[in-house]
Amino acid sequence: MPKMKTHSGAKKRFRHRSSGKISRKKATAAHLLEKKTSKRKSDLRLTALVSKSDQSRVRRMLGV
């Protein structure tokens, strides 16, 4: 049986950490930034972790 291919969209959006956790970027940081506060925008720059319920799905897409 051939190898599983990595999901191209997922590999651009998620990072697999050495601890086994999967990180992601936060949403709503691309446009309409004038109305958002500086505090909110700086928080959006940080990475977040993928929720527990979505981890198995993302792992399968990444081939981890």
PDB file of N, CA and C in Angstrom:
ATOM      1  N   MET A   1       0.843  -1.189   0.000  1.00  0.00           N
ATOM      2  CA  MET A   1       0.000   0.000   0.000  1.00  0.00           C
ATOM      3  C   MET A   1       0.887   1.252   0.000  1.00  0.00           C
ATOM      4  N   PRO A   2       0.531   2.280  -0.784  1.00  0.00           N
ATOM      5  CA  PRO A   2       1.383   3.476  -0.841  1.00  0.00           C
ATOM      6  C   PRO A   2       1.331   4.290   0.446  1.00  0.00           C
ATOM      7  N   LYS A   3       2.311   5.165   0.579  1.00  0.00           N
ATOM      8  CA  LYS A   3       2.360   6.047   1.748  1.00  0.00           C
ATOM      9  C   LYS A   3       1.198   7.022   1.725  1.00  0.00           C
ATOM     10  N   MET A   4       0.790   7.467   2.924  1.00  0.00           N
ATOM     11  CA  MET A   4      -0.250   8.497   3.031  1.00  0.00           C
ATOM     12  C   MET A   4       0.362   9.839   2.663  1.00  0.00           C
ATOM     13  N   LYS A   5      -0.356  10.639   1.891  1.00  0.00           N
ATOM     14  CA  LYS A   5       0.132  11.969   1.554  1.00  0.00           C
ATOM     15  C   LYS A   5      -0.281  12.964   2.631  1.00  0.00           C
ATOM     16  N   THR A   6       0.592  13.917   2.917  1.00  0.00           N
ATOM     17  CA  THR A   6       0.293  14.988   3.853  1.00  0.00           C
ATOM     18  C   THR A   6      -0.696  15.948   3.206  1.00  0.00           C
ATOM     19  N   HIS A   7      -1.663  16.411   3.966  1.00  0.00           N
ATOM     20  CA  HIS A   7      -2.654  17.364   3.475  1.00  0.00           C
ATOM     21  C   HIS A   7      -1.955  18.704   3.268  1.00  0.00           C
ATOM     22  N   SER A   8      -1.956  19.205   2.025  1.00  0.00           N
ATOM     23  CA  SER A   8      -1.191  20.414   1.689  1.00  0.00           C
ATOM     24  C   SER A   8      -1.651  21.645   2.458  1.00  0.00           C
ATOM     25  N   GLY A   9      -2.968  21.788   2.661  1.00  0.00           N
ATOM     26  CA  GLY A   9      -3.478  22.929   3.410  1.00  0.00           C
ATOM     27  C   GLY A   9      -3.095  22.854   4.871  1.00  0.00           C
ATOM     28  N   ALA A  10      -3.092  21.648   5.425  1.00  0.00           N
ATOM     29  CA  ALA A  10      -2.781  21.464   6.850  1.00  0.00           C
ATOM     30  C   ALA A  10      -1.308  21.742   7.140  1.00  0.00           C
ATOM     31  N   LYS A  11      -0.425  21.337   6.235  1.00  0.00           N
ATOM     32  CA  LYS A  11       1.002  21.536   6.511  1.00  0.00           C
ATOM     33  C   LYS A  11       1.390  23.013   6.510  1.00  0.00           C
ATOM     34  N   LYS A  12       0.565  23.862   5.844  1.00  0.00           N
ATOM     35  CA  LYS A  12       0.824  25.296   5.844  1.00  0.00           C
ATOM     36  C   LYS A  12       0.268  25.972   7.088  1.00  0.00           C
ATOM     37  N   ARG A  13      -0.695  25.340   7.747  1.00  0.00           N
ATOM     38  CA  ARG A  13      -1.412  25.974   8.857  1.00  0.00           C
ATOM     39  C   ARG A  13      -1.028  25.485  10.243  1.00  0.00           C
ATOM     40  N   PHE A  14      -0.483  24.281  10.337  1.00  0.00           N
ATOM     41  CA  PHE A  14      -0.192  23.683  11.642  1.00  0.00           C
ATOM     42  C   PHE A  14       1.269  23.305  11.767  1.00  0.00           C
ATOM     43  N   ARG A  15       1.778  23.330  13.003  1.00  0.00           N
ATOM     44  CA  ARG A  15       3.146  22.918  13.296  1.00  0.00           C
ATOM     45  C   ARG A  15       3.107  21.866  14.395  1.00  0.00           C
ATOM     46  N   HIS A  16       3.822  20.781  14.177  1.00  0.00           N
ATOM     47  CA  HIS A  16       3.906  19.719  15.177  1.00  0.00           C
ATOM     48  C   HIS A  16       5.097  20.013  16.071  1.00  0.00           C
ATOM     49  N   ARG A  17       4.859  20.177  17.367  1.00  0.00           N
ATOM     50  CA  ARG A  17       5.910  20.509  18.328  1.00  0.00           C
ATOM     51  C   ARG A  17       6.571  19.246  18.869  1.00  0.00           C
ATOM     52  N   SER A  18       7.766  19.392  19.435  1.00  0.00           N
ATOM     53  CA  SER A  18       8.487  18.232  19.966  1.00  0.00           C
ATOM     54  C   SER A  18       7.780  17.621  21.172  1.00  0.00           C
ATOM     55  N   SER A  19       6.956  18.424  21.847  1.00  0.00           N
ATOM     56  CA  SER A  19       6.214  17.923  23.006  1.00  0.00           C
ATOM     57  C   SER A  19       5.029  17.058  22.585  1.00  0.00           C
ATOM     58  N   GLY A  20       4.723  17.036  21.267  1.00  0.00           N
ATOM     59  CA  GLY A  20       3.594  16.262  20.774  1.00  0.00           C
ATOM     60  C   GLY A  20       2.365  17.107  20.537  1.00  0.00           C
ATOM     61  N   LYS A  21       2.412  18.373  20.969  1.00  0.00           N
ATOM     62  CA  LYS A  21       1.270  19.261  20.778  1.00  0.00           C
ATOM     63  C   LYS A  21       1.328  19.871  19.389  1.00  0.00           C
ATOM     64  N   ILE A  22       0.181  20.327  18.906  1.00  0.00           N
ATOM     65  CA  ILE A  22       0.099  20.933  17.575  1.00  0.00           C
ATOM     66  C   ILE A  22      -0.312  22.385  17.745  1.00  0.00           C
ATOM     67  N   SER A  23       0.471  23.290  17.171  1.00  0.00           N
ATOM     68  CA  SER A  23       0.178  24.713  17.304  1.00  0.00           C
ATOM     69  C   SER A  23      -0.445  25.249  16.020  1.00  0.00           C
ATOM     70  N   ARG A  24      -1.120  26.382  16.156  1.00  0.00           N
ATOM     71  CA  ARG A  24      -1.802  27.022  15.033  1.00  0.00           C
ATOM     72  C   ARG A  24      -1.741  28.525  15.231  1.00  0.00           C
ATOM     73  N   LYS A  25      -2.020  29.277  14.172  1.00  0.00           N
ATOM     74  CA  LYS A  25      -2.138  30.732  14.268  1.00  0.00           C
ATOM     75  C   LYS A  25      -3.564  31.072  14.663  1.00  0.00           C
ATOM     76  N   LYS A  26      -3.752  32.232  15.272  1.00  0.00           N
ATOM     77  CA  LYS A  26      -5.094  32.667  15.651  1.00  0.00           C
ATOM     78  C   LYS A  26      -5.795  33.323  14.466  1.00  0.00           C
ATOM     79  N   ALA A  27      -7.102  33.225  14.452  1.00  0.00           N
ATOM     80  CA  ALA A  27      -7.902  33.760  13.347  1.00  0.00           C
ATOM     81  C   ALA A  27      -8.171  35.253  13.531  1.00  0.00           C
ATOM     82  N   THR A  28      -8.723  35.867  12.517  1.00  0.00           N
ATOM     83  CA  THR A  28      -9.156  37.281  12.456  1.00  0.00           C
ATOM     84  C   THR A  28      -8.008  38.283  12.592  1.00  0.00           C
ATOM     85  N   ALA A  29      -6.804  37.923  12.164  1.00  0.00           N
ATOM     86  CA  ALA A  29      -5.677  38.843  12.273  1.00  0.00           C
ATOM     87  C   ALA A  29      -5.234  39.386  10.912  1.00  0.00           C
ATOM     88  N   ALA A  30      -5.965  39.078   9.861  1.00  0.00           N
ATOM     89  CA  ALA A  30      -5.511  39.422   8.511  1.00  0.00           C
ATOM     90  C   ALA A  30      -5.993  40.784   8.021  1.00  0.00           C
ATOM     91  N   HIS A  31      -7.224  41.177   8.375  1.00  0.00           N
ATOM     92  CA  HIS A  31      -7.757  42.427   7.846  1.00  0.00           C
ATOM     93  C   HIS A  31      -8.741  43.023   8.845  1.00  0.00           C
ATOM     94  N   LEU A  32      -9.261  44.216   8.518  1.00  0.00           N
ATOM     95  CA  LEU A  32     -10.153  44.976   9.421  1.00  0.00           C
ATOM     96  C   LEU A  32      -9.485  45.215  10.777  1.00  0.00           C
ATOM     97  N   LEU A  33      -8.225  45.664  10.717  1.00  0.00           N
ATOM     98  CA  LEU A  33      -7.440  45.805  11.943  1.00  0.00           C
ATOM     99  C   LEU A  33      -7.609  47.172  12.605  1.00  0.00           C
ATOM    100  N   GLU A  34      -8.196  48.137  11.917  1.00  0.00           N
ATOM    101  CA  GLU A  34      -8.348  49.483  12.482  1.00  0.00           C
ATOM    102  C   GLU A  34      -9.210  49.485  13.729  1.00  0.00           C
ATOM    103  N   LYS A  35     -10.265  48.697  13.702  1.00  0.00           N
ATOM    104  CA  LYS A  35     -11.209  48.696  14.821  1.00  0.00           C
ATOM    105  C   LYS A  35     -10.763  47.830  15.999  1.00  0.00           C
ATOM    106  N   LYS A  36      -9.720  47.043  15.815  1.00  0.00           N
ATOM    107  CA  LYS A  36      -9.234  46.171  16.885  1.00  0.00           C
ATOM    108  C   LYS A  36      -8.212  46.915  17.739  1.00  0.00           C
ATOM    109  N   THR A  37      -8.247  46.673  19.038  1.00  0.00           N
ATOM    110  CA  THR A  37      -7.328  47.353  19.950  1.00  0.00           C
ATOM    111  C   THR A  37      -5.917  46.785  19.789  1.00  0.00           C
ATOM    112  N   SER A  38      -4.933  47.549  20.216  1.00  0.00           N
ATOM    113  CA  SER A  38      -3.544  47.110  20.138  1.00  0.00           C
ATOM    114  C   SER A  38      -3.327  45.848  20.958  1.00  0.00           C
ATOM    115  N   LYS A  39      -3.968  45.781  22.110  1.00  0.00           N
ATOM    116  CA  LYS A  39      -3.845  44.610  22.976  1.00  0.00           C
ATOM    117  C   LYS A  39      -4.372  43.360  22.269  1.00  0.00           C
ATOM    118  N   ARG A  40      -5.512  43.515  21.614  1.00  0.00           N
ATOM    119  CA  ARG A  40      -6.121  42.388  20.905  1.00  0.00           C
ATOM    120  C   ARG A  40      -5.251  41.942  19.736  1.00  0.00           C
ATOM    121  N   LYS A  41      -4.691  42.924  19.000  1.00  0.00           N
ATOM    122  CA  LYS A  41      -3.858  42.601  17.855  1.00  0.00           C
ATOM    123  C   LYS A  41      -2.559  41.917  18.283  1.00  0.00           C
ATOM    124  N   SER A  42      -1.966  42.366  19.372  1.00  0.00           N
ATOM    125  CA  SER A  42      -0.726  41.743  19.835  1.00  0.00           C
ATOM    126  C   SER A  42      -0.990  40.330  20.335  1.00  0.00           C
ATOM    127  N   ASP A  43      -2.159  40.082  20.905  1.00  0.00           N
ATOM    128  CA  ASP A  43      -2.522  38.733  21.345  1.00  0.00           C
ATOM    129  C   ASP A  43      -2.745  37.812  20.145  1.00  0.00           C
ATOM    130  N   LEU A  44      -3.235  38.372  19.043  1.00  0.00           N
ATOM    131  CA  LEU A  44      -3.471  37.573  17.841  1.00  0.00           C
ATOM    132  C   LEU A  44      -2.170  37.133  17.171  1.00  0.00           C
ATOM    133  N   ARG A  45      -1.060  37.818  17.472  1.00  0.00           N
ATOM    134  CA  ARG A  45       0.225  37.438  16.883  1.00  0.00           C
ATOM    135  C   ARG A  45       0.777  36.149  17.477  1.00  0.00           C
ATOM    136  N   LEU A  46       0.361  35.820  18.689  1.00  0.00           N
ATOM    137  CA  LEU A  46       0.854  34.624  19.357  1.00  0.00           C
ATOM    138  C   LEU A  46       0.222  33.370  18.761  1.00  0.00           C
ATOM    139  N   THR A  47       0.893  32.253  18.945  1.00  0.00           N
ATOM    140  CA  THR A  47       0.329  30.991  18.473  1.00  0.00           C
ATOM    141  C   THR A  47      -0.563  30.396  19.555  1.00  0.00           C
ATOM    142  N   ALA A  48      -1.470  29.544  19.126  1.00  0.00           N
ATOM    143  CA  ALA A  48      -2.374  28.846  20.044  1.00  0.00           C
ATOM    144  C   ALA A  48      -2.227  27.355  19.791  1.00  0.00           C
ATOM    145  N   LEU A  49      -2.780  26.550  20.677  1.00  0.00           N
ATOM    146  CA  LEU A  49      -2.745  25.105  20.504  1.00  0.00           C
ATOM    147  C   LEU A  49      -4.050  24.623  19.898  1.00  0.00           C
ATOM    148  N   VAL A  50      -3.967  23.569  19.131  1.00  0.00           N
ATOM    149  CA  VAL A  50      -5.165  22.956  18.562  1.00  0.00           C
ATOM    150  C   VAL A  50      -5.926  22.282  19.694  1.00  0.00           C
ATOM    151  N   SER A  51      -7.249  22.426  19.698  1.00  0.00           N
ATOM    152  CA  SER A  51      -8.056  21.852  20.775  1.00  0.00           C
ATOM    153  C   SER A  51      -7.971  20.329  20.766  1.00  0.00           C
ATOM    154  N   LYS A  52      -8.224  19.741  21.924  1.00  0.00           N
ATOM    155  CA  LYS A  52      -8.104  18.297  22.095  1.00  0.00           C
ATOM    156  C   LYS A  52      -9.010  17.536  21.131  1.00  0.00           C
ATOM    157  N   SER A  53     -10.216  18.065  20.908  1.00  0.00           N
ATOM    158  CA  SER A  53     -11.177  17.377  20.046  1.00  0.00           C
ATOM    159  C   SER A  53     -10.747  17.376  18.580  1.00  0.00           C
ATOM    160  N   ASP A  54      -9.913  18.335  18.168  1.00  0.00           N
ATOM    161  CA  ASP A  54      -9.469  18.421  16.776  1.00  0.00           C
ATOM    162  C   ASP A  54      -8.096  17.800  16.539  1.00  0.00           C
ATOM    163  N   GLN A  55      -7.378  17.468  17.612  1.00  0.00           N
ATOM    164  CA  GLN A  55      -6.002  16.996  17.470  1.00  0.00           C
ATOM    165  C   GLN A  55      -5.876  15.738  16.626  1.00  0.00           C
ATOM    166  N   SER A  56      -6.747  14.766  16.829  1.00  0.00           N
ATOM    167  CA  SER A  56      -6.621  13.516  16.079  1.00  0.00           C
ATOM    168  C   SER A  56      -6.839  13.754  14.582  1.00  0.00           C
ATOM    169  N   ARG A  57      -7.779  14.645  14.252  1.00  0.00           N
ATOM    170  CA  ARG A  57      -8.053  14.963  12.851  1.00  0.00           C
ATOM    171  C   ARG A  57      -6.850  15.649  12.209  1.00  0.00           C
ATOM    172  N   VAL A  58      -6.246  16.591  12.916  1.00  0.00           N
ATOM    173  CA  VAL A  58      -5.097  17.337  12.383  1.00  0.00           C
ATOM    174  C   VAL A  58      -3.879  16.410  12.257  1.00  0.00           C
ATOM    175  N   ARG A  59      -3.685  15.537  13.240  1.00  0.00           N
ATOM    176  CA  ARG A  59      -2.566  14.579  13.192  1.00  0.00           C
ATOM    177  C   ARG A  59      -2.661  13.700  11.940  1.00  0.00           C
ATOM    178  N   ARG A  60      -3.873  13.244  11.634  1.00  0.00           N
ATOM    179  CA  ARG A  60      -4.085  12.400  10.463  1.00  0.00           C
ATOM    180  C   ARG A  60      -3.740  13.168   9.188  1.00  0.00           C
ATOM    181  N   MET A  61      -4.120  14.460   9.134  1.00  0.00           N
ATOM    182  CA  MET A  61      -3.821  15.271   7.948  1.00  0.00           C
ATOM    183  C   MET A  61      -2.320  15.524   7.801  1.00  0.00           C
ATOM    184  N   LEU A  62      -1.625  15.674   8.951  1.00  0.00           N
ATOM    185  CA  LEU A  62      -0.191  15.937   8.911  1.00  0.00           C
ATOM    186  C   LEU A  62       0.626  14.668   8.744  1.00  0.00           C
ATOM    187  N   GLY A  63       0.012  13.515   8.966  1.00  0.00           N
ATOM    188  CA  GLY A  63       0.729  12.252   8.884  1.00  0.00           C
ATOM    189  C   GLY A  63       1.660  12.020  10.051  1.00  0.00           C
ATOM    190  N   VAL A  64       1.286  12.540  11.223  1.00  0.00           N
ATOM    191  CA  VAL A  64       2.119  12.411  12.437  1.00  0.00           C
ATOM    192  C   VAL A  64       1.681  11.194  13.211  1.00  0.00           C
TER     193      VAL A  64
END
